[in-house]
Amino acid sequence: MIRKDKRLIKDRVIYDRENPYDFLFVGEIKLDGMPRTSVIAGSNENGWEHVSVCPVGRCPTWDEMCEVKDIFWGEEEECIQIHPKKSQYVNIMDHCLHIWRHKDGMKLPEIGR
């Protein structure tokens, strides 16, 4: 679900009437120091929620992606960024990065602690 946040400039949000956890958000986000940034968020039938973050003219920084993650999901929820095989790259929009979260709260492996 999309949290209410003053940094989100909503263009439209569409919820599935039968399953309110299935949604599509299209709009913009305004973070300090970040250029105009398109955001598309949604969920799919495979149980994944997804946010695309596309600033004009450059890729988002790690800190910006962390802030976006905390806007769409809680600070203690685990999410991932995926680096697929080069043969499976899809680049529809320049400078666009993605965050994914499985709805069942799938536990990620322990990493560098």
C-alpha atoms as a PDB file:
ATOM      1  CA  MET A   1       0.000   0.000   0.000  1.00  0.00           C
ATOM      2  CA  ILE A   2       1.137   3.535  -0.641  1.00  0.00           C
ATOM      3  CA  ARG A   3       1.853   5.561   2.464  1.00  0.00           C
ATOM      4  CA  LYS A   4       0.642   9.141   2.637  1.00  0.00           C
ATOM      5  CA  ASP A   5       3.713  11.303   2.236  1.00  0.00           C
ATOM      6  CA  LYS A   6       4.059  14.977   1.296  1.00  0.00           C
ATOM      7  CA  ARG A   7       7.031  14.110  -0.934  1.00  0.00           C
ATOM      8  CA  LEU A   8       4.754  12.137  -3.280  1.00  0.00           C
ATOM      9  CA  ILE A   9       3.003  14.129  -5.986  1.00  0.00           C
ATOM     10  CA  LYS A  10       0.249  11.828  -7.140  1.00  0.00           C
ATOM     11  CA  ASP A  11      -0.819  11.723 -10.716  1.00  0.00           C
ATOM     12  CA  ARG A  12      -3.006   8.685 -10.238  1.00  0.00           C
ATOM     13  CA  VAL A  13      -3.408   5.648  -8.012  1.00  0.00           C
ATOM     14  CA  ILE A  14      -5.404   2.648  -9.154  1.00  0.00           C
ATOM     15  CA  TYR A  15      -6.416  -0.118  -6.736  1.00  0.00           C
ATOM     16  CA  ASP A  16      -7.837  -3.507  -7.662  1.00  0.00           C
ATOM     17  CA  ARG A  17     -11.333  -3.632  -6.106  1.00  0.00           C
ATOM     18  CA  GLU A  18     -11.005  -7.346  -5.379  1.00  0.00           C
ATOM     19  CA  ASN A  19      -7.543  -7.070  -3.845  1.00  0.00           C
ATOM     20  CA  PRO A  20      -6.656  -3.653  -2.362  1.00  0.00           C
ATOM     21  CA  TYR A  21      -3.011  -4.726  -2.074  1.00  0.00           C
ATOM     22  CA  ASP A  22      -2.749  -4.782  -5.873  1.00  0.00           C
ATOM     23  CA  PHE A  23      -2.140  -1.214  -6.987  1.00  0.00           C
ATOM     24  CA  LEU A  24      -0.520   1.039  -9.548  1.00  0.00           C
ATOM     25  CA  PHE A  25       0.850   4.475  -8.607  1.00  0.00           C
ATOM     26  CA  VAL A  26       2.051   6.913 -11.253  1.00  0.00           C
ATOM     27  CA  GLY A  27       3.429  10.267 -10.211  1.00  0.00           C
ATOM     28  CA  GLU A  28       6.470  12.180  -9.030  1.00  0.00           C
ATOM     29  CA  ILE A  29       8.558  12.367  -5.892  1.00  0.00           C
ATOM     30  CA  LYS A  30      10.327  15.459  -4.536  1.00  0.00           C
ATOM     31  CA  LEU A  31      13.439  14.860  -2.453  1.00  0.00           C
ATOM     32  CA  ASP A  32      15.946  17.534  -1.404  1.00  0.00           C
ATOM     33  CA  GLY A  33      18.629  17.970  -4.067  1.00  0.00           C
ATOM     34  CA  MET A  34      16.991  15.552  -6.497  1.00  0.00           C
ATOM     35  CA  PRO A  35      15.861  16.751  -9.931  1.00  0.00           C
ATOM     36  CA  ARG A  36      12.291  16.206 -11.132  1.00  0.00           C
ATOM     37  CA  THR A  37      11.738  12.474 -10.618  1.00  0.00           C
ATOM     38  CA  SER A  38       9.099  10.148 -12.042  1.00  0.00           C
ATOM     39  CA  VAL A  39       7.953   7.289  -9.845  1.00  0.00           C
ATOM     40  CA  ILE A  40       5.898   4.266 -10.853  1.00  0.00           C
ATOM     41  CA  ALA A  41       4.939   1.780  -8.153  1.00  0.00           C
ATOM     42  CA  GLY A  42       2.819  -1.307  -8.347  1.00  0.00           C
ATOM     43  CA  SER A  43       2.271  -4.908  -7.440  1.00  0.00           C
ATOM     44  CA  ASN A  44       1.739  -8.008  -9.539  1.00  0.00           C
ATOM     45  CA  GLU A  45       0.082 -11.399  -9.420  1.00  0.00           C
ATOM     46  CA  ASN A  46       3.373 -13.072  -8.488  1.00  0.00           C
ATOM     47  CA  GLY A  47       3.391 -11.344  -5.112  1.00  0.00           C
ATOM     48  CA  TRP A  48       5.976  -8.665  -5.866  1.00  0.00           C
ATOM     49  CA  GLU A  49       5.695  -4.931  -5.165  1.00  0.00           C
ATOM     50  CA  HIS A  50       7.903  -2.685  -7.276  1.00  0.00           C
ATOM     51  CA  VAL A  51       8.995   0.962  -7.432  1.00  0.00           C
ATOM     52  CA  SER A  52      10.782   2.556 -10.415  1.00  0.00           C
ATOM     53  CA  VAL A  53      12.687   5.781  -9.644  1.00  0.00           C
ATOM     54  CA  CYS A  54      13.664   7.908 -12.668  1.00  0.00           C
ATOM     55  CA  PRO A  55      15.249  11.345 -12.056  1.00  0.00           C
ATOM     56  CA  VAL A  56      15.733  13.606 -15.068  1.00  0.00           C
ATOM     57  CA  GLY A  57      19.337  13.591 -16.283  1.00  0.00           C
ATOM     58  CA  ARG A  58      20.969  11.218 -13.790  1.00  0.00           C
ATOM     59  CA  CYS A  59      20.551   8.003 -11.827  1.00  0.00           C
ATOM     60  CA  PRO A  60      19.283   8.217  -8.253  1.00  0.00           C
ATOM     61  CA  THR A  61      21.930   7.944  -5.532  1.00  0.00           C
ATOM     62  CA  TRP A  62      22.022   5.156  -2.940  1.00  0.00           C
ATOM     63  CA  ASP A  63      20.743   7.579  -0.258  1.00  0.00           C
ATOM     64  CA  GLU A  64      17.871   8.705  -2.502  1.00  0.00           C
ATOM     65  CA  MET A  65      16.901   5.085  -3.183  1.00  0.00           C
ATOM     66  CA  CYS A  66      16.965   4.410   0.582  1.00  0.00           C
ATOM     67  CA  GLU A  67      14.657   7.389   1.171  1.00  0.00           C
ATOM     68  CA  VAL A  68      12.265   6.217  -1.569  1.00  0.00           C
ATOM     69  CA  LYS A  69      12.257   2.714  -0.068  1.00  0.00           C
ATOM     70  CA  ASP A  70      11.274   4.140   3.331  1.00  0.00           C
ATOM     71  CA  ILE A  71       8.458   6.175   1.743  1.00  0.00           C
ATOM     72  CA  PHE A  72       6.842   3.133   0.128  1.00  0.00           C
ATOM     73  CA  TRP A  73       7.717   0.541   2.798  1.00  0.00           C
ATOM     74  CA  GLY A  74       8.603   0.612   6.479  1.00  0.00           C
ATOM     75  CA  GLU A  75      12.134   1.245   7.674  1.00  0.00           C
ATOM     76  CA  GLU A  76      12.432  -2.366   8.904  1.00  0.00           C
ATOM     77  CA  GLU A  77      11.004  -4.012   5.776  1.00  0.00           C
ATOM     78  CA  GLU A  78      13.536  -5.714   3.513  1.00  0.00           C
ATOM     79  CA  CYS A  79      13.652  -4.848  -0.177  1.00  0.00           C
ATOM     80  CA  ILE A  80      16.053  -5.633  -2.998  1.00  0.00           C
ATOM     81  CA  GLN A  81      17.571  -4.128  -6.121  1.00  0.00           C
ATOM     82  CA  ILE A  82      18.185  -6.754  -8.810  1.00  0.00           C
ATOM     83  CA  HIS A  83      21.115  -7.034 -11.198  1.00  0.00           C
ATOM     84  CA  PRO A  84      19.922  -9.476 -13.883  1.00  0.00           C
ATOM     85  CA  LYS A  85      21.993 -11.265 -16.498  1.00  0.00           C
ATOM     86  CA  LYS A  86      23.055  -8.788 -19.183  1.00  0.00           C
ATOM     87  CA  SER A  87      21.024 -10.782 -21.743  1.00  0.00           C
ATOM     88  CA  GLN A  88      17.884  -9.996 -19.696  1.00  0.00           C
ATOM     89  CA  TYR A  89      18.406  -6.239 -19.333  1.00  0.00           C
ATOM     90  CA  VAL A  90      15.373  -4.103 -20.074  1.00  0.00           C
ATOM     91  CA  ASN A  91      16.119  -0.386 -20.400  1.00  0.00           C
ATOM     92  CA  ILE A  92      12.954   1.490 -21.270  1.00  0.00           C
ATOM     93  CA  MET A  93      13.969   4.717 -19.524  1.00  0.00           C
ATOM     94  CA  ASP A  94      17.463   6.118 -18.941  1.00  0.00           C
ATOM     95  CA  HIS A  95      18.642   6.677 -15.361  1.00  0.00           C
ATOM     96  CA  CYS A  96      15.894   4.467 -13.895  1.00  0.00           C
ATOM     97  CA  LEU A  97      16.524   2.193 -10.891  1.00  0.00           C
ATOM     98  CA  HIS A  98      14.116  -0.244  -9.252  1.00  0.00           C
ATOM     99  CA  ILE A  99      13.285  -1.561  -5.780  1.00  0.00           C
ATOM    100  CA  TRP A 100      11.428  -4.846  -5.224  1.00  0.00           C
ATOM    101  CA  ARG A 101       9.705  -6.372  -2.175  1.00  0.00           C
ATOM    102  CA  HIS A 102       7.834  -9.657  -1.928  1.00  0.00           C
ATOM    103  CA  LYS A 103       4.423  -9.250  -0.254  1.00  0.00           C
ATOM    104  CA  ASP A 104       4.852 -12.325   1.951  1.00  0.00           C
ATOM    105  CA  GLY A 105       7.780 -10.648   3.691  1.00  0.00           C
ATOM    106  CA  MET A 106      10.298 -13.084   2.208  1.00  0.00           C
ATOM    107  CA  LYS A 107      13.411 -13.058   4.367  1.00  0.00           C
ATOM    108  CA  LEU A 108      16.569 -12.026   2.539  1.00  0.00           C
ATOM    109  CA  PRO A 109      19.831 -13.866   3.240  1.00  0.00           C
ATOM    110  CA  GLU A 110      22.134 -12.535   5.969  1.00  0.00           C
ATOM    111  CA  ILE A 111      24.629 -10.192   4.353  1.00  0.00           C
ATOM    112  CA  GLY A 112      27.877  -8.578   5.529  1.00  0.00           C
ATOM    113  CA  ARG A 113      27.374  -7.860   9.197  1.00  0.00           C
END
